[in-house]
Amino acid sequence: MQVMRGMLIVGVGVALALTACNGDHTAEEAGRKIDATVDKAKDATADAAKKASDTAAKAGQAMENAAKDAAALSKDAADRAAASAREGTEAAKAASAAAAEKAATAAAEAKAAAGNAVEAAKAAARAAMATATPAN
């Protein structure tokens, strides 16, 4: 705003200097030139203010749009991370269940093998006792 005032003062000064240098002009004509210079300065100031206002509004809208885009991207990334975590949890549960089932099967097989070994040992002991005891 001070720049525009300075331009106005310079314009008025130039207009006064021009009227002072040329003796053919009347004071009324000099006043009209000053008025025209002042009007031009007012118009230029109003145009500059409008352009600045428009530019600020556009910049504000661009910042708002960028913030909305960033928020949407952030939400999308968080949603994907949560989905990935859920999938990982489900996979871990499935793997744990499969491992537990294999362990149970192995334990059942080991129990059966141990039972068979006990039966075999009993049969061997009976056979050993039968051969050791003479028949009458």
N, C-alpha and C. Protein backbone atom coordinates (compact mmCIF):
# COMPACT_ATOMS: atom_id res chain seq x y z
N MET A 1 0.83 -1.18 0.00
CA MET A 1 0.00 0.00 0.00
C MET A 1 0.87 1.24 0.00
N GLN A 2 1.99 1.20 0.72
CA GLN A 2 2.88 2.35 0.76
C GLN A 2 3.53 2.57 -0.59
N VAL A 3 3.76 1.49 -1.33
CA VAL A 3 4.33 1.61 -2.67
C VAL A 3 3.37 2.39 -3.56
N MET A 4 2.10 2.07 -3.43
CA MET A 4 1.09 2.77 -4.25
C MET A 4 1.01 4.24 -3.87
N ARG A 5 1.12 4.56 -2.59
CA ARG A 5 1.11 5.97 -2.16
C ARG A 5 2.33 6.69 -2.74
N GLY A 6 3.45 5.97 -2.71
CA GLY A 6 4.66 6.57 -3.26
C GLY A 6 4.51 6.83 -4.75
N MET A 7 3.89 5.86 -5.44
CA MET A 7 3.66 6.06 -6.88
C MET A 7 2.73 7.23 -7.12
N LEU A 8 1.75 7.39 -6.26
CA LEU A 8 0.80 8.49 -6.38
C LEU A 8 1.50 9.82 -6.18
N ILE A 9 2.33 9.88 -5.18
CA ILE A 9 3.06 11.13 -4.91
C ILE A 9 4.00 11.46 -6.06
N VAL A 10 4.69 10.44 -6.57
CA VAL A 10 5.59 10.68 -7.72
C VAL A 10 4.79 11.15 -8.92
N GLY A 11 3.64 10.49 -9.15
CA GLY A 11 2.81 10.89 -10.29
C GLY A 11 2.33 12.32 -10.17
N VAL A 12 1.91 12.70 -8.96
CA VAL A 12 1.45 14.07 -8.74
C VAL A 12 2.62 15.03 -8.93
N GLY A 13 3.76 14.63 -8.43
CA GLY A 13 4.95 15.49 -8.57
C GLY A 13 5.32 15.68 -10.03
N VAL A 14 5.27 14.60 -10.81
CA VAL A 14 5.59 14.70 -12.24
C VAL A 14 4.58 15.60 -12.94
N ALA A 15 3.32 15.42 -12.59
CA ALA A 15 2.30 16.25 -13.22
C ALA A 15 2.50 17.72 -12.87
N LEU A 16 2.85 18.00 -11.63
CA LEU A 16 3.11 19.39 -11.23
C LEU A 16 4.34 19.95 -11.93
N ALA A 17 5.36 19.11 -12.05
CA ALA A 17 6.58 19.56 -12.71
C ALA A 17 6.31 19.87 -14.17
N LEU A 18 5.51 19.02 -14.81
CA LEU A 18 5.19 19.26 -16.22
C LEU A 18 4.39 20.54 -16.39
N THR A 19 3.49 20.78 -15.49
CA THR A 19 2.69 21.99 -15.61
C THR A 19 3.51 23.23 -15.28
N ALA A 20 4.47 23.07 -14.37
CA ALA A 20 5.30 24.22 -14.00
C ALA A 20 6.28 24.55 -15.11
N CYS A 21 6.72 23.56 -15.86
CA CYS A 21 7.71 23.79 -16.92
C CYS A 21 7.11 24.46 -18.14
N ASN A 22 5.86 24.27 -18.36
CA ASN A 22 5.24 24.80 -19.57
C ASN A 22 4.29 25.92 -19.17
N GLY A 23 4.59 27.08 -19.54
CA GLY A 23 3.82 28.24 -19.13
C GLY A 23 2.52 28.39 -19.89
N ASP A 24 2.29 27.63 -20.94
CA ASP A 24 1.10 27.77 -21.75
C ASP A 24 -0.14 27.20 -21.09
N HIS A 25 0.02 26.34 -20.10
CA HIS A 25 -1.11 25.67 -19.49
C HIS A 25 -1.71 26.52 -18.39
N THR A 26 -2.96 26.38 -18.26
CA THR A 26 -3.63 27.11 -17.18
C THR A 26 -3.64 26.24 -15.94
N ALA A 27 -3.96 26.81 -14.82
CA ALA A 27 -4.02 26.08 -13.56
C ALA A 27 -5.14 25.04 -13.61
N GLU A 28 -6.18 25.34 -14.34
CA GLU A 28 -7.28 24.39 -14.45
C GLU A 28 -6.85 23.13 -15.19
N GLU A 29 -6.08 23.29 -16.27
CA GLU A 29 -5.59 22.14 -17.02
C GLU A 29 -4.63 21.32 -16.17
N ALA A 30 -3.81 21.97 -15.40
CA ALA A 30 -2.89 21.28 -14.50
C ALA A 30 -3.69 20.48 -13.47
N GLY A 31 -4.76 21.05 -12.96
CA GLY A 31 -5.62 20.35 -12.00
C GLY A 31 -6.23 19.10 -12.62
N ARG A 32 -6.65 19.21 -13.89
CA ARG A 32 -7.22 18.04 -14.58
C ARG A 32 -6.17 16.95 -14.75
N LYS A 33 -4.95 17.33 -15.07
CA LYS A 33 -3.88 16.35 -15.22
C LYS A 33 -3.59 15.67 -13.88
N ILE A 34 -3.62 16.45 -12.83
CA ILE A 34 -3.38 15.87 -11.51
C ILE A 34 -4.51 14.92 -11.17
N ASP A 35 -5.75 15.32 -11.44
CA ASP A 35 -6.90 14.45 -11.19
C ASP A 35 -6.79 13.15 -11.99
N ALA A 36 -6.38 13.25 -13.24
CA ALA A 36 -6.23 12.06 -14.08
C ALA A 36 -5.14 11.15 -13.52
N THR A 37 -4.05 11.74 -13.06
CA THR A 37 -2.96 10.95 -12.49
C THR A 37 -3.43 10.25 -11.21
N VAL A 38 -4.19 10.99 -10.40
CA VAL A 38 -4.70 10.40 -9.16
C VAL A 38 -5.67 9.26 -9.48
N ASP A 39 -6.53 9.47 -10.49
CA ASP A 39 -7.47 8.41 -10.88
C ASP A 39 -6.73 7.17 -11.38
N LYS A 40 -5.68 7.38 -12.16
CA LYS A 40 -4.89 6.24 -12.64
C LYS A 40 -4.26 5.49 -11.48
N ALA A 41 -3.74 6.25 -10.51
CA ALA A 41 -3.12 5.62 -9.34
C ALA A 41 -4.16 4.83 -8.54
N LYS A 42 -5.37 5.40 -8.39
CA LYS A 42 -6.45 4.68 -7.68
C LYS A 42 -6.81 3.39 -8.40
N ASP A 43 -6.94 3.48 -9.73
CA ASP A 43 -7.28 2.29 -10.51
C ASP A 43 -6.20 1.22 -10.40
N ALA A 44 -4.95 1.67 -10.48
CA ALA A 44 -3.85 0.71 -10.37
C ALA A 44 -3.84 0.06 -8.99
N THR A 45 -4.11 0.85 -7.95
CA THR A 45 -4.15 0.31 -6.59
C THR A 45 -5.29 -0.70 -6.45
N ALA A 46 -6.46 -0.34 -6.99
CA ALA A 46 -7.61 -1.25 -6.90
C ALA A 46 -7.34 -2.54 -7.67
N ASP A 47 -6.74 -2.44 -8.85
CA ASP A 47 -6.41 -3.64 -9.63
C ASP A 47 -5.41 -4.52 -8.89
N ALA A 48 -4.40 -3.89 -8.31
CA ALA A 48 -3.39 -4.66 -7.58
C ALA A 48 -4.02 -5.35 -6.37
N ALA A 49 -4.91 -4.64 -5.67
CA ALA A 49 -5.56 -5.24 -4.51
C ALA A 49 -6.45 -6.42 -4.94
N LYS A 50 -7.17 -6.28 -6.04
CA LYS A 50 -8.03 -7.36 -6.53
C LYS A 50 -7.20 -8.56 -6.93
N LYS A 51 -6.10 -8.31 -7.66
CA LYS A 51 -5.24 -9.42 -8.07
C LYS A 51 -4.65 -10.14 -6.86
N ALA A 52 -4.23 -9.37 -5.85
CA ALA A 52 -3.67 -9.98 -4.65
C ALA A 52 -4.73 -10.81 -3.93
N SER A 53 -5.94 -10.28 -3.86
CA SER A 53 -7.03 -11.00 -3.21
C SER A 53 -7.36 -12.29 -3.96
N ASP A 54 -7.43 -12.21 -5.28
CA ASP A 54 -7.71 -13.40 -6.09
C ASP A 54 -6.61 -14.45 -5.93
N THR A 55 -5.38 -14.00 -5.95
CA THR A 55 -4.25 -14.93 -5.81
C THR A 55 -4.27 -15.59 -4.44
N ALA A 56 -4.57 -14.81 -3.40
CA ALA A 56 -4.64 -15.39 -2.05
C ALA A 56 -5.77 -16.41 -1.96
N ALA A 57 -6.90 -16.10 -2.58
CA ALA A 57 -8.03 -17.05 -2.55
C ALA A 57 -7.67 -18.34 -3.28
N LYS A 58 -7.01 -18.22 -4.42
CA LYS A 58 -6.60 -19.42 -5.17
C LYS A 58 -5.60 -20.24 -4.37
N ALA A 59 -4.66 -19.56 -3.73
CA ALA A 59 -3.66 -20.27 -2.93
C ALA A 59 -4.33 -20.98 -1.75
N GLY A 60 -5.29 -20.30 -1.13
CA GLY A 60 -6.01 -20.93 -0.02
C GLY A 60 -6.77 -22.17 -0.47
N GLN A 61 -7.41 -22.09 -1.63
CA GLN A 61 -8.15 -23.24 -2.17
C GLN A 61 -7.20 -24.38 -2.50
N ALA A 62 -6.05 -24.05 -3.08
CA ALA A 62 -5.06 -25.09 -3.41
C ALA A 62 -4.55 -25.77 -2.14
N MET A 63 -4.33 -24.98 -1.08
CA MET A 63 -3.87 -25.56 0.18
C MET A 63 -4.95 -26.46 0.78
N GLU A 64 -6.20 -26.04 0.70
CA GLU A 64 -7.29 -26.85 1.22
C GLU A 64 -7.40 -28.17 0.45
N ASN A 65 -7.30 -28.09 -0.87
CA ASN A 65 -7.36 -29.31 -1.70
C ASN A 65 -6.20 -30.25 -1.38
N ALA A 66 -5.01 -29.68 -1.22
CA ALA A 66 -3.85 -30.50 -0.90
C ALA A 66 -4.02 -31.18 0.46
N ALA A 67 -4.58 -30.46 1.42
CA ALA A 67 -4.80 -31.05 2.74
C ALA A 67 -5.82 -32.19 2.66
N LYS A 68 -6.87 -32.00 1.88
CA LYS A 68 -7.87 -33.07 1.71
C LYS A 68 -7.25 -34.29 1.05
N ASP A 69 -6.42 -34.06 0.03
CA ASP A 69 -5.77 -35.18 -0.66
C ASP A 69 -4.85 -35.93 0.30
N ALA A 70 -4.09 -35.18 1.10
CA ALA A 70 -3.17 -35.81 2.05
C ALA A 70 -3.93 -36.63 3.08
N ALA A 71 -5.06 -36.09 3.54
CA ALA A 71 -5.87 -36.83 4.52
C ALA A 71 -6.42 -38.12 3.91
N ALA A 72 -6.86 -38.04 2.68
CA ALA A 72 -7.39 -39.24 2.01
C ALA A 72 -6.29 -40.29 1.82
N LEU A 73 -5.11 -39.86 1.41
CA LEU A 73 -4.00 -40.80 1.24
C LEU A 73 -3.60 -41.43 2.57
N SER A 74 -3.60 -40.63 3.61
CA SER A 74 -3.25 -41.14 4.93
C SER A 74 -4.26 -42.17 5.40
N LYS A 75 -5.53 -41.90 5.20
CA LYS A 75 -6.58 -42.85 5.59
C LYS A 75 -6.45 -44.14 4.80
N ASP A 76 -6.18 -44.01 3.50
CA ASP A 76 -6.04 -45.19 2.65
C ASP A 76 -4.86 -46.04 3.12
N ALA A 77 -3.75 -45.40 3.44
CA ALA A 77 -2.58 -46.14 3.91
C ALA A 77 -2.87 -46.84 5.24
N ALA A 78 -3.58 -46.15 6.13
CA ALA A 78 -3.93 -46.75 7.42
C ALA A 78 -4.87 -47.94 7.22
N ASP A 79 -5.81 -47.80 6.31
CA ASP A 79 -6.74 -48.91 6.03
C ASP A 79 -5.99 -50.12 5.48
N ARG A 80 -5.05 -49.86 4.56
CA ARG A 80 -4.27 -50.97 4.00
C ARG A 80 -3.41 -51.64 5.06
N ALA A 81 -2.82 -50.84 5.95
CA ALA A 81 -1.98 -51.40 7.01
C ALA A 81 -2.82 -52.26 7.95
N ALA A 82 -4.03 -51.79 8.27
CA ALA A 82 -4.91 -52.56 9.16
C ALA A 82 -5.33 -53.86 8.49
N ALA A 83 -5.66 -53.81 7.21
CA ALA A 83 -6.06 -55.02 6.48
C ALA A 83 -4.90 -56.01 6.43
N SER A 84 -3.72 -55.51 6.20
CA SER A 84 -2.54 -56.37 6.15
C SER A 84 -2.30 -57.02 7.51
N ALA A 85 -2.49 -56.24 8.57
CA ALA A 85 -2.31 -56.79 9.91
C ALA A 85 -3.34 -57.88 10.19
N ARG A 86 -4.59 -57.64 9.76
CA ARG A 86 -5.64 -58.66 9.96
C ARG A 86 -5.29 -59.93 9.20
N GLU A 87 -4.82 -59.78 7.96
CA GLU A 87 -4.45 -60.95 7.17
C GLU A 87 -3.31 -61.70 7.83
N GLY A 88 -2.34 -60.96 8.35
CA GLY A 88 -1.22 -61.59 9.04
C GLY A 88 -1.67 -62.34 10.28
N THR A 89 -2.60 -61.76 11.01
CA THR A 89 -3.13 -62.42 12.20
C THR A 89 -3.87 -63.69 11.84
N GLU A 90 -4.69 -63.64 10.79
CA GLU A 90 -5.42 -64.81 10.34
C GLU A 90 -4.46 -65.91 9.88
N ALA A 91 -3.43 -65.52 9.17
CA ALA A 91 -2.44 -66.51 8.69
C ALA A 91 -1.72 -67.14 9.87
N ALA A 92 -1.39 -66.34 10.87
CA ALA A 92 -0.71 -66.87 12.05
C ALA A 92 -1.63 -67.84 12.81
N LYS A 93 -2.91 -67.49 12.90
CA LYS A 93 -3.86 -68.39 13.57
C LYS A 93 -3.95 -69.72 12.83
N ALA A 94 -4.05 -69.64 11.51
CA ALA A 94 -4.16 -70.87 10.71
C ALA A 94 -2.91 -71.72 10.85
N ALA A 95 -1.74 -71.08 10.82
CA ALA A 95 -0.50 -71.83 10.97
C ALA A 95 -0.40 -72.46 12.35
N SER A 96 -0.83 -71.73 13.37
CA SER A 96 -0.80 -72.28 14.74
C SER A 96 -1.74 -73.46 14.85
N ALA A 97 -2.92 -73.35 14.27
CA ALA A 97 -3.89 -74.46 14.33
C ALA A 97 -3.34 -75.68 13.60
N ALA A 98 -2.72 -75.48 12.45
CA ALA A 98 -2.16 -76.60 11.69
C ALA A 98 -1.03 -77.25 12.48
N ALA A 99 -0.18 -76.44 13.11
CA ALA A 99 0.92 -76.99 13.90
C ALA A 99 0.39 -77.76 15.10
N ALA A 100 -0.65 -77.23 15.73
CA ALA A 100 -1.24 -77.93 16.89
C ALA A 100 -1.85 -79.26 16.46
N GLU A 101 -2.50 -79.28 15.31
CA GLU A 101 -3.10 -80.52 14.82
C GLU A 101 -2.00 -81.55 14.50
N LYS A 102 -0.91 -81.10 13.88
CA LYS A 102 0.20 -82.03 13.59
C LYS A 102 0.81 -82.56 14.88
N ALA A 103 0.93 -81.69 15.87
CA ALA A 103 1.49 -82.12 17.16
C ALA A 103 0.57 -83.15 17.82
N ALA A 104 -0.73 -82.92 17.75
CA ALA A 104 -1.68 -83.87 18.33
C ALA A 104 -1.62 -85.21 17.62
N THR A 105 -1.51 -85.17 16.29
CA THR A 105 -1.40 -86.41 15.52
C THR A 105 -0.12 -87.15 15.87
N ALA A 106 0.99 -86.41 15.97
CA ALA A 106 2.27 -87.03 16.32
C ALA A 106 2.20 -87.63 17.72
N ALA A 107 1.53 -86.92 18.64
CA ALA A 107 1.41 -87.45 20.01
C ALA A 107 0.58 -88.73 20.02
N ALA A 108 -0.49 -88.75 19.25
CA ALA A 108 -1.33 -89.96 19.18
C ALA A 108 -0.54 -91.11 18.60
N GLU A 109 0.23 -90.84 17.55
CA GLU A 109 1.05 -91.89 16.95
C GLU A 109 2.12 -92.38 17.91
N ALA A 110 2.71 -91.46 18.67
CA ALA A 110 3.73 -91.85 19.65
C ALA A 110 3.12 -92.69 20.75
N LYS A 111 1.90 -92.34 21.18
CA LYS A 111 1.22 -93.11 22.21
C LYS A 111 0.93 -94.53 21.72
N ALA A 112 0.47 -94.61 20.47
CA ALA A 112 0.18 -95.93 19.89
C ALA A 112 1.45 -96.76 19.78
N ALA A 113 2.53 -96.11 19.36
CA ALA A 113 3.81 -96.83 19.24
C ALA A 113 4.30 -97.28 20.60
N ALA A 114 4.11 -96.44 21.60
CA ALA A 114 4.53 -96.82 22.96
C ALA A 114 3.68 -98.00 23.44
N GLY A 115 2.38 -97.96 23.15
CA GLY A 115 1.51 -99.08 23.52
C GLY A 115 1.95 -100.36 22.83
N ASN A 116 2.30 -100.26 21.54
CA ASN A 116 2.77 -101.42 20.80
C ASN A 116 4.08 -101.93 21.39
N ALA A 117 4.94 -101.02 21.79
CA ALA A 117 6.21 -101.43 22.38
C ALA A 117 5.99 -102.14 23.70
N VAL A 118 5.05 -101.66 24.49
CA VAL A 118 4.74 -102.31 25.77
C VAL A 118 4.20 -103.71 25.51
N GLU A 119 3.29 -103.81 24.55
CA GLU A 119 2.73 -105.13 24.23
C GLU A 119 3.82 -106.07 23.72
N ALA A 120 4.70 -105.57 22.90
CA ALA A 120 5.80 -106.40 22.39
C ALA A 120 6.71 -106.84 23.52
N ALA A 121 6.95 -105.95 24.46
CA ALA A 121 7.81 -106.30 25.59
C ALA A 121 7.15 -107.37 26.45
N LYS A 122 5.83 -107.21 26.64
CA LYS A 122 5.10 -108.21 27.43
C LYS A 122 5.15 -109.57 26.72
N ALA A 123 4.97 -109.55 25.41
CA ALA A 123 4.99 -110.81 24.65
C ALA A 123 6.37 -111.43 24.71
N ALA A 124 7.39 -110.62 24.64
CA ALA A 124 8.76 -111.15 24.71
C ALA A 124 9.03 -111.74 26.09
N ALA A 125 8.52 -111.06 27.11
CA ALA A 125 8.71 -111.56 28.47
C ALA A 125 7.97 -112.87 28.66
N ARG A 126 6.78 -112.99 28.12
CA ARG A 126 6.03 -114.25 28.23
C ARG A 126 6.75 -115.37 27.49
N ALA A 127 7.27 -115.01 26.33
CA ALA A 127 7.99 -116.04 25.55
C ALA A 127 9.25 -116.47 26.28
N ALA A 128 9.90 -115.53 26.89
CA ALA A 128 11.11 -115.87 27.63
C ALA A 128 10.77 -116.71 28.84
N MET A 129 9.68 -116.43 29.47
CA MET A 129 9.25 -117.20 30.65
C MET A 129 8.81 -118.59 30.22
N ALA A 130 8.20 -118.70 29.08
CA ALA A 130 7.72 -119.99 28.64
C ALA A 130 8.88 -120.89 28.29
N THR A 131 9.91 -120.39 27.71
CA THR A 131 11.04 -121.23 27.37
C THR A 131 11.90 -121.50 28.59
N ALA A 132 11.86 -120.65 29.54
CA ALA A 132 12.68 -120.85 30.74
C ALA A 132 12.01 -121.86 31.69
N THR A 133 10.74 -121.97 31.64
CA THR A 133 10.04 -122.90 32.54
C THR A 133 9.86 -124.22 31.80
N PRO A 134 10.42 -125.36 32.36
CA PRO A 134 10.26 -126.63 31.67
C PRO A 134 8.83 -127.14 31.77
N ALA A 135 8.42 -127.73 30.76
CA ALA A 135 7.09 -128.32 30.74
C ALA A 135 7.14 -129.69 31.41
N ASN A 136 6.33 -130.09 32.24
CA ASN A 136 6.32 -131.35 32.97
C ASN A 136 5.74 -132.42 32.21
